[in-house]
Amino acid sequence: MVIKGIVAYARGDVNGDRVLDNVYLTGEKTLNSPFIKNITLVIQNGTNGKVTTVPLKDNTGYNPALTLRDFSGYGFDDILIGISTGGSGGIMIYYIYSFANNKIKLLFDYNNYNNEYKYEVKYRDYYKVEVISLNNNSKYMLDISYKGNQYLNEIYDNKGRLKKPISGFVNPISGLYPVDFDGNKIYELMAFQKIAGRYNADSLGYIQNIITWEDNKFVLQSQYVAIFGTKK
């Protein structure tokens, strides 16, 4: 049995007329399953009740959510959509839409982001892993000596040199969080991507990209690498 209905709801001024609008995600799900298909963005104009329907390119997943924030700087809300793919890597689907003057415009597509932000991950001698961000030509060096003897002995000889070349990888985007870093009521976005070693569960840390809307696109403002701490 397929159940059609509203799967997420938010309320805010998304067209700029200073009247609150209703924003929905609708979808289809079956009994006893959290999986949702045909997720669709629906905007109801708060002034005249007119409904605008926006099909999503990738429209299946789990736990769809709506967040309304001003990312573009127009002084009213844009629409952030997040959908979990349900995979082991925590990969997410994200879209951001503007509805300024009742015209829909796609501001952020997670596929475009994943294609733009590419990385190389290579194990180095002496318990180091090198992470290179190709987008901004930046290099980070991770110390993995905390991993423990069993892990390290599989990779390094007794002098700390690699037994053979090993590469890791960086997952697609798994988190996209609105943060108003400078307090001007225009929100930046903090994007998370997991750094993995020999396999996906071999977590080494996270790339954290701060992106901001500039010249009609989201651009990289700053980049960090977060690593896991160990007990003293």
Protein backbone atom coordinates (compact mmCIF):
# COMPACT_ATOMS: atom_id res chain seq x y z
CA MET A 1 0.00 0.00 0.00
CA VAL A 2 1.44 3.36 -1.11
CA ILE A 3 0.79 6.37 1.10
CA LYS A 4 1.10 9.83 -0.45
CA GLY A 5 1.43 12.91 1.71
CA ILE A 6 3.50 15.62 3.33
CA VAL A 7 6.87 14.40 4.61
CA ALA A 8 8.35 17.78 5.70
CA TYR A 9 7.02 21.28 6.32
CA ALA A 10 8.42 24.75 6.99
CA ARG A 11 7.00 28.26 6.97
CA GLY A 12 8.75 31.46 5.98
CA ASP A 13 8.89 34.26 3.42
CA VAL A 14 10.54 32.66 0.40
CA ASN A 15 9.37 34.99 -2.38
CA GLY A 16 10.26 38.34 -0.81
CA ASP A 17 6.80 39.86 -0.37
CA ARG A 18 7.12 39.84 3.47
CA VAL A 19 4.22 37.42 3.82
CA LEU A 20 4.91 33.95 5.22
CA ASP A 21 4.63 31.13 2.70
CA ASN A 22 4.06 27.42 3.27
CA VAL A 23 6.83 25.13 2.05
CA TYR A 24 6.31 21.37 1.86
CA LEU A 25 8.03 18.22 0.75
CA THR A 26 5.58 15.60 -0.41
CA GLY A 27 6.35 11.97 -1.16
CA GLU A 28 5.18 8.39 -1.37
CA LYS A 29 5.98 5.64 1.12
CA THR A 30 4.78 2.15 1.84
CA LEU A 31 3.61 0.77 5.15
CA ASN A 32 6.34 -0.41 7.53
CA SER A 33 9.11 1.23 5.47
CA PRO A 34 10.86 4.58 6.04
CA PHE A 35 11.92 4.75 2.37
CA ILE A 36 10.23 7.60 0.49
CA LYS A 37 9.82 7.97 -3.28
CA ASN A 38 8.86 10.84 -5.57
CA ILE A 39 9.88 13.53 -3.09
CA THR A 40 8.66 16.85 -4.45
CA LEU A 41 9.04 20.48 -3.35
CA VAL A 42 5.73 22.31 -3.05
CA ILE A 43 5.48 26.06 -2.30
CA GLN A 44 2.20 27.73 -1.41
CA ASN A 45 2.17 31.50 -1.78
CA GLY A 46 1.06 33.02 1.52
CA THR A 47 -0.65 35.96 -0.21
CA ASN A 48 -2.81 34.31 -2.86
CA GLY A 49 -2.57 30.59 -2.09
CA LYS A 50 -1.05 29.77 -5.49
CA VAL A 51 0.88 26.48 -5.46
CA THR A 52 4.19 25.90 -7.26
CA THR A 53 5.43 22.32 -7.62
CA VAL A 54 9.10 21.56 -8.18
CA PRO A 55 10.14 17.97 -9.02
CA LEU A 56 13.54 16.98 -7.62
CA LYS A 57 16.13 15.35 -9.87
CA ASP A 58 17.05 12.80 -7.20
CA ASN A 59 13.85 12.23 -5.29
CA THR A 60 14.15 9.06 -3.21
CA GLY A 61 15.62 8.41 0.21
CA TYR A 62 15.06 8.71 3.93
CA ASN A 63 14.23 11.46 6.43
CA PRO A 64 13.69 14.38 4.03
CA ALA A 65 14.07 17.76 5.75
CA LEU A 66 13.51 21.44 4.99
CA THR A 67 15.51 24.38 6.33
CA LEU A 68 14.68 27.99 5.45
CA ARG A 69 17.55 30.49 5.65
CA ASP A 70 18.83 33.46 3.67
CA PHE A 71 21.85 32.16 1.76
CA SER A 72 21.71 34.50 -1.24
CA GLY A 73 21.54 37.80 0.65
CA TYR A 74 18.18 38.94 -0.73
CA GLY A 75 16.78 39.49 2.76
CA PHE A 76 14.36 36.58 2.82
CA ASP A 77 14.55 32.80 2.97
CA ASP A 78 15.97 30.34 0.50
CA ILE A 79 15.01 26.65 0.70
CA LEU A 80 17.50 23.97 1.76
CA ILE A 81 16.42 20.36 1.13
CA GLY A 82 18.26 17.41 2.66
CA ILE A 83 17.56 13.71 2.00
CA SER A 84 19.51 10.76 3.37
CA THR A 85 20.47 8.08 0.86
CA GLY A 86 20.64 5.46 3.60
CA GLY A 87 24.08 4.24 2.55
CA SER A 88 26.84 3.19 4.95
CA GLY A 89 28.87 6.31 4.15
CA GLY A 90 26.15 8.67 5.36
CA ILE A 91 25.91 10.22 1.90
CA MET A 92 23.28 12.95 1.56
CA ILE A 93 21.27 14.55 -1.23
CA TYR A 94 21.13 18.34 -0.95
CA TYR A 95 19.43 21.03 -3.00
CA ILE A 96 19.00 24.75 -2.33
CA TYR A 97 16.34 26.72 -4.19
CA SER A 98 15.55 30.41 -4.40
CA PHE A 99 11.93 31.44 -4.97
CA ALA A 100 12.58 35.17 -5.28
CA ASN A 101 9.70 36.98 -7.01
CA ASN A 102 7.88 33.64 -7.31
CA LYS A 103 10.49 32.28 -9.75
CA ILE A 104 12.21 29.03 -8.87
CA LYS A 105 16.01 28.90 -9.22
CA LEU A 106 18.38 26.12 -8.22
CA LEU A 107 21.26 27.57 -6.21
CA PHE A 108 22.95 24.38 -4.97
CA ASP A 109 23.06 20.85 -6.38
CA TYR A 110 24.95 18.23 -4.38
CA ASN A 111 26.08 16.48 -7.56
CA ASN A 112 27.74 19.65 -8.83
CA TYR A 113 29.39 20.13 -5.45
CA ASN A 114 30.75 16.57 -5.42
CA ASN A 115 32.12 17.03 -8.93
CA GLU A 116 33.79 20.32 -8.02
CA TYR A 117 35.44 19.28 -4.77
CA LYS A 118 37.81 16.41 -5.52
CA TYR A 119 40.67 15.07 -3.40
CA GLU A 120 43.63 12.73 -3.41
CA VAL A 121 44.44 10.66 -0.32
CA LYS A 122 47.81 8.88 -0.16
CA TYR A 123 49.55 7.04 2.65
CA ARG A 124 53.12 8.22 3.27
CA ASP A 125 56.07 6.83 5.21
CA TYR A 126 56.30 7.23 8.96
CA TYR A 127 52.57 6.91 9.74
CA LYS A 128 51.35 9.86 7.71
CA VAL A 129 48.48 10.30 5.27
CA GLU A 130 48.56 13.14 2.75
CA VAL A 131 45.26 14.72 1.69
CA ILE A 132 45.30 17.05 -1.31
CA SER A 133 42.31 19.26 -2.15
CA LEU A 134 42.41 19.73 -5.92
CA ASN A 135 39.88 22.57 -5.95
CA ASN A 136 42.15 24.99 -4.09
CA ASN A 137 45.48 23.17 -4.39
CA SER A 138 45.87 22.71 -0.63
CA LYS A 139 47.66 19.90 1.18
CA TYR A 140 47.04 18.44 4.63
CA MET A 141 49.14 15.86 6.45
CA LEU A 142 47.44 13.52 8.94
CA ASP A 143 49.30 11.62 11.66
CA ILE A 144 47.84 8.11 11.97
CA SER A 145 50.29 6.76 14.52
CA TYR A 146 47.38 6.52 16.98
CA LYS A 147 45.81 3.74 14.91
CA GLY A 148 47.51 0.98 16.87
CA ASN A 149 50.06 -1.71 16.12
CA GLN A 150 47.79 -4.17 14.35
CA TYR A 151 46.61 -1.55 11.87
CA LEU A 152 50.04 -0.01 11.33
CA ASN A 153 51.90 -3.31 11.01
CA GLU A 154 49.71 -4.26 8.07
CA ILE A 155 50.83 -1.13 6.23
CA TYR A 156 54.36 -0.27 7.43
CA ASP A 157 57.58 -2.18 8.00
CA ASN A 158 59.47 -2.01 11.30
CA LYS A 159 61.18 1.19 10.17
CA GLY A 160 57.91 2.99 9.49
CA ARG A 161 58.10 2.74 5.72
CA LEU A 162 55.19 1.73 3.51
CA LYS A 163 55.20 -1.89 2.41
CA LYS A 164 53.39 -0.86 -0.78
CA PRO A 165 51.59 2.26 -2.10
CA ILE A 166 48.15 2.77 -0.57
CA SER A 167 45.50 5.32 -1.47
CA GLY A 168 42.43 6.39 0.46
CA PHE A 169 39.51 8.51 -0.67
CA VAL A 170 37.12 11.28 0.36
CA ASN A 171 33.40 10.52 0.38
CA PRO A 172 30.75 12.71 -1.27
CA ILE A 173 29.03 15.28 0.91
CA SER A 174 27.50 13.89 4.09
CA GLY A 175 26.49 17.09 5.89
CA LEU A 176 25.52 20.63 4.89
CA TYR A 177 24.84 23.01 7.77
CA PRO A 178 23.77 26.68 7.73
CA VAL A 179 25.99 28.86 9.93
CA ASP A 180 25.95 32.66 10.13
CA PHE A 181 29.64 33.07 10.91
CA ASP A 182 29.75 36.86 10.74
CA GLY A 183 26.34 37.58 12.28
CA ASN A 184 24.96 39.49 9.27
CA LYS A 185 21.85 37.25 8.94
CA ILE A 186 23.17 35.84 5.64
CA TYR A 187 24.09 32.22 6.16
CA GLU A 188 27.17 30.44 4.96
CA LEU A 189 27.23 26.67 4.57
CA MET A 190 29.55 24.20 6.26
CA ALA A 191 29.93 21.07 4.14
CA PHE A 192 31.32 17.82 5.57
CA GLN A 193 33.07 15.05 3.62
CA LYS A 194 34.58 12.03 5.32
CA ILE A 195 38.21 11.11 4.71
CA ALA A 196 38.56 7.32 4.51
CA GLY A 197 41.64 5.14 4.44
CA ARG A 198 41.76 1.64 2.98
CA TYR A 199 37.98 1.16 3.25
CA ASN A 200 34.95 3.24 4.10
CA ALA A 201 34.81 2.33 7.79
CA ASP A 202 38.49 3.29 8.15
CA SER A 203 37.72 6.91 9.07
CA LEU A 204 40.63 9.34 9.22
CA GLY A 205 38.79 12.64 9.65
CA TYR A 206 36.60 15.11 7.77
CA ILE A 207 37.04 17.82 5.18
CA GLN A 208 35.08 20.89 6.29
CA ASN A 209 34.43 23.38 3.51
CA ILE A 210 32.85 26.76 4.26
CA ILE A 211 31.07 27.98 1.15
CA THR A 212 29.27 31.27 0.61
CA TRP A 213 27.03 32.75 -2.11
CA GLU A 214 29.02 35.12 -4.26
CA ASP A 215 28.59 36.27 -7.88
CA ASN A 216 25.59 33.98 -8.37
CA LYS A 217 27.29 30.81 -7.14
CA PHE A 218 28.58 29.17 -3.99
CA VAL A 219 32.33 29.63 -3.64
CA LEU A 220 34.87 28.27 -1.20
CA GLN A 221 35.51 30.70 1.63
CA SER A 222 37.72 28.53 3.82
CA GLN A 223 38.67 24.90 4.30
CA TYR A 224 39.64 22.82 7.30
CA VAL A 225 40.45 19.23 8.10
CA ALA A 226 39.03 17.83 11.35
CA ILE A 227 40.75 14.81 12.90
CA PHE A 228 39.77 12.43 15.66
CA GLY A 229 41.24 12.89 19.12
CA THR A 230 42.75 10.18 21.29
CA LYS A 231 42.83 9.68 25.02
CA LYS A 232 45.95 10.89 26.79
